[in-house]
């Protein structure tokens, strides 16, 4: 993939930001970017190849606002 989407990627399951203060949310984001969660039991490797829709492919679904 292009545009900085080359892996490896790690999916974190999951952070509910509505339960966090702004400071806690920013700390989770900082820790995620720094890779601090990568070896956690709630993280797993993710292959994005073929999983992302290009703009115009996806349209709208029940998950879209």
N, C-alpha and C. Protein backbone atom coordinates (compact mmCIF):
# COMPACT_ATOMS: atom_id res chain seq x y z
N UNK A 1 0.84 -1.18 0.00
CA UNK A 1 0.00 0.00 0.00
C UNK A 1 0.88 1.24 0.00
N UNK A 2 0.34 2.31 -0.45
CA UNK A 2 1.11 3.54 -0.49
C UNK A 2 0.59 4.53 0.53
N UNK A 3 1.26 5.67 0.63
CA UNK A 3 0.78 6.73 1.51
C UNK A 3 1.02 6.46 2.98
N UNK A 4 2.10 5.71 3.30
CA UNK A 4 2.41 5.47 4.70
C UNK A 4 1.60 4.36 5.33
N UNK A 5 0.93 3.54 4.52
CA UNK A 5 0.09 2.48 5.05
C UNK A 5 0.82 1.13 5.11
N UNK A 6 2.12 1.10 4.74
CA UNK A 6 2.88 -0.14 4.82
C UNK A 6 2.99 -0.55 6.27
N UNK A 7 2.95 -1.85 6.52
CA UNK A 7 2.94 -2.39 7.88
C UNK A 7 4.32 -2.42 8.50
N UNK A 8 4.45 -3.08 9.61
CA UNK A 8 3.39 -3.84 10.25
C UNK A 8 2.41 -2.95 11.02
N UNK A 9 1.20 -3.43 11.17
CA UNK A 9 0.16 -2.71 11.90
C UNK A 9 -0.28 -3.57 13.08
N UNK A 10 -0.67 -2.92 14.17
CA UNK A 10 -1.16 -3.60 15.35
C UNK A 10 -2.50 -3.00 15.71
N UNK A 11 -3.51 -3.86 15.89
CA UNK A 11 -4.83 -3.39 16.30
C UNK A 11 -4.96 -3.54 17.81
N UNK A 12 -5.41 -2.47 18.45
CA UNK A 12 -5.64 -2.47 19.90
C UNK A 12 -7.12 -2.68 20.14
N UNK A 13 -7.48 -3.64 20.96
CA UNK A 13 -8.87 -3.94 21.27
C UNK A 13 -9.17 -3.55 22.69
N UNK A 14 -9.90 -2.67 22.97
CA UNK A 14 -10.26 -1.41 22.40
C UNK A 14 -10.21 -0.38 23.50
N UNK A 15 -10.20 0.86 23.14
CA UNK A 15 -10.22 1.95 24.11
C UNK A 15 -11.53 2.71 23.91
N UNK A 16 -12.32 2.83 24.94
CA UNK A 16 -13.58 3.56 24.88
C UNK A 16 -13.31 4.98 25.35
N UNK A 17 -13.14 5.88 24.38
CA UNK A 17 -12.76 7.25 24.71
C UNK A 17 -13.85 8.00 25.46
N UNK A 18 -15.10 7.61 25.31
CA UNK A 18 -16.16 8.31 26.04
C UNK A 18 -16.04 8.08 27.54
N UNK A 19 -15.28 7.10 27.97
CA UNK A 19 -15.06 6.83 29.38
C UNK A 19 -13.80 7.51 29.90
N UNK A 20 -13.07 8.21 29.01
CA UNK A 20 -11.80 8.83 29.38
C UNK A 20 -11.94 10.35 29.49
N UNK A 21 -11.12 10.92 30.35
CA UNK A 21 -10.97 12.37 30.33
C UNK A 21 -10.13 12.71 29.11
N UNK A 22 -10.06 13.97 28.76
CA UNK A 22 -9.22 14.38 27.63
C UNK A 22 -7.76 13.99 27.89
N UNK A 23 -7.31 14.18 29.12
CA UNK A 23 -5.93 13.85 29.46
C UNK A 23 -5.66 12.35 29.31
N UNK A 24 -6.61 11.52 29.77
CA UNK A 24 -6.46 10.07 29.64
C UNK A 24 -6.47 9.66 28.16
N UNK A 25 -7.38 10.24 27.38
CA UNK A 25 -7.45 9.92 25.96
C UNK A 25 -6.14 10.28 25.26
N UNK A 26 -5.61 11.46 25.53
CA UNK A 26 -4.35 11.88 24.92
C UNK A 26 -3.20 10.97 25.36
N UNK A 27 -3.22 10.51 26.60
CA UNK A 27 -2.20 9.59 27.07
C UNK A 27 -2.29 8.25 26.33
N UNK A 28 -3.50 7.74 26.13
CA UNK A 28 -3.67 6.50 25.35
C UNK A 28 -3.16 6.68 23.92
N UNK A 29 -3.45 7.80 23.31
CA UNK A 29 -2.98 8.07 21.94
C UNK A 29 -1.46 8.13 21.92
N UNK A 30 -0.87 8.85 22.86
CA UNK A 30 0.59 8.96 22.93
C UNK A 30 1.22 7.59 23.11
N UNK A 31 0.68 6.78 24.02
CA UNK A 31 1.23 5.46 24.30
C UNK A 31 1.06 4.53 23.10
N UNK A 32 -0.04 4.66 22.39
CA UNK A 32 -0.26 3.84 21.20
C UNK A 32 0.75 4.19 20.11
N UNK A 33 0.92 5.48 19.84
CA UNK A 33 1.89 5.92 18.83
C UNK A 33 3.30 5.49 19.20
N UNK A 34 3.63 5.52 20.49
CA UNK A 34 4.96 5.13 20.95
C UNK A 34 5.17 3.62 20.93
N UNK A 35 4.10 2.85 20.66
CA UNK A 35 4.22 1.39 20.60
C UNK A 35 4.16 0.71 21.95
N UNK A 36 3.74 1.43 22.98
CA UNK A 36 3.71 0.85 24.32
C UNK A 36 2.68 -0.27 24.48
N UNK A 37 1.68 -0.32 23.63
CA UNK A 37 0.65 -1.35 23.72
C UNK A 37 0.92 -2.53 22.78
N UNK A 38 1.94 -2.44 21.93
CA UNK A 38 2.14 -3.44 20.88
C UNK A 38 2.32 -4.86 21.40
N UNK A 39 2.91 -5.04 22.56
CA UNK A 39 3.14 -6.37 23.11
C UNK A 39 2.08 -6.78 24.12
N UNK A 40 0.99 -6.03 24.22
CA UNK A 40 -0.07 -6.32 25.18
C UNK A 40 -0.92 -7.49 24.71
N UNK A 41 -1.58 -8.15 25.65
CA UNK A 41 -2.45 -9.27 25.30
C UNK A 41 -3.69 -8.81 24.53
N UNK A 42 -4.01 -7.53 24.58
CA UNK A 42 -5.18 -7.01 23.86
C UNK A 42 -4.80 -6.38 22.52
N UNK A 43 -3.59 -6.66 22.05
CA UNK A 43 -3.14 -6.17 20.74
C UNK A 43 -2.84 -7.37 19.86
N UNK A 44 -3.12 -7.24 18.57
CA UNK A 44 -2.77 -8.31 17.64
C UNK A 44 -2.38 -7.73 16.29
N UNK A 45 -1.53 -8.49 15.59
CA UNK A 45 -1.06 -8.06 14.28
C UNK A 45 -2.24 -7.98 13.32
N UNK A 46 -2.18 -7.03 12.41
CA UNK A 46 -3.26 -6.80 11.47
C UNK A 46 -2.67 -6.57 10.09
N UNK A 47 -3.17 -7.29 9.09
CA UNK A 47 -2.76 -7.11 7.71
C UNK A 47 -3.84 -6.31 7.00
N UNK A 48 -3.50 -5.09 6.59
CA UNK A 48 -4.48 -4.20 5.97
C UNK A 48 -4.69 -4.47 4.48
N UNK A 49 -3.84 -5.29 3.88
CA UNK A 49 -3.93 -5.55 2.44
C UNK A 49 -5.33 -6.05 2.08
N UNK A 50 -6.00 -5.34 1.21
CA UNK A 50 -7.32 -5.73 0.76
C UNK A 50 -8.44 -5.46 1.75
N UNK A 51 -8.14 -4.87 2.90
CA UNK A 51 -9.16 -4.64 3.91
C UNK A 51 -9.70 -3.22 3.92
N UNK A 52 -8.99 -2.31 3.26
CA UNK A 52 -9.41 -0.91 3.27
C UNK A 52 -10.06 -0.56 1.94
N UNK A 53 -11.23 0.05 2.02
CA UNK A 53 -11.91 0.53 0.83
C UNK A 53 -11.29 1.85 0.38
N UNK A 54 -11.22 2.03 -0.90
CA UNK A 54 -10.81 3.31 -1.45
C UNK A 54 -12.00 4.25 -1.40
N UNK A 55 -11.77 5.58 -1.35
CA UNK A 55 -12.90 6.51 -1.37
C UNK A 55 -13.78 6.21 -2.59
N UNK A 56 -15.06 6.21 -2.39
CA UNK A 56 -15.99 5.92 -3.47
C UNK A 56 -16.38 4.45 -3.53
N UNK A 57 -15.54 3.55 -3.03
CA UNK A 57 -15.86 2.12 -3.00
C UNK A 57 -16.86 1.81 -1.89
N UNK A 58 -16.66 2.41 -0.77
CA UNK A 58 -17.39 2.02 0.44
C UNK A 58 -18.83 2.52 0.44
N UNK A 59 -19.05 3.74 0.07
CA UNK A 59 -20.40 4.29 0.19
C UNK A 59 -20.73 4.50 1.66
N UNK A 60 -21.96 4.19 2.06
CA UNK A 60 -22.38 4.34 3.45
C UNK A 60 -22.91 3.00 3.95
N UNK A 61 -22.61 2.72 5.20
CA UNK A 61 -23.12 1.50 5.83
C UNK A 61 -23.68 1.85 7.21
N UNK A 62 -24.16 0.86 7.92
CA UNK A 62 -24.74 1.10 9.24
C UNK A 62 -23.71 1.60 10.25
N UNK A 63 -22.41 1.44 9.95
CA UNK A 63 -21.37 1.92 10.84
C UNK A 63 -21.01 3.37 10.60
N UNK A 64 -21.42 3.91 9.47
CA UNK A 64 -21.12 5.31 9.13
C UNK A 64 -22.10 6.23 9.83
N UNK A 65 -21.62 7.38 10.22
CA UNK A 65 -22.51 8.35 10.87
C UNK A 65 -23.43 9.00 9.86
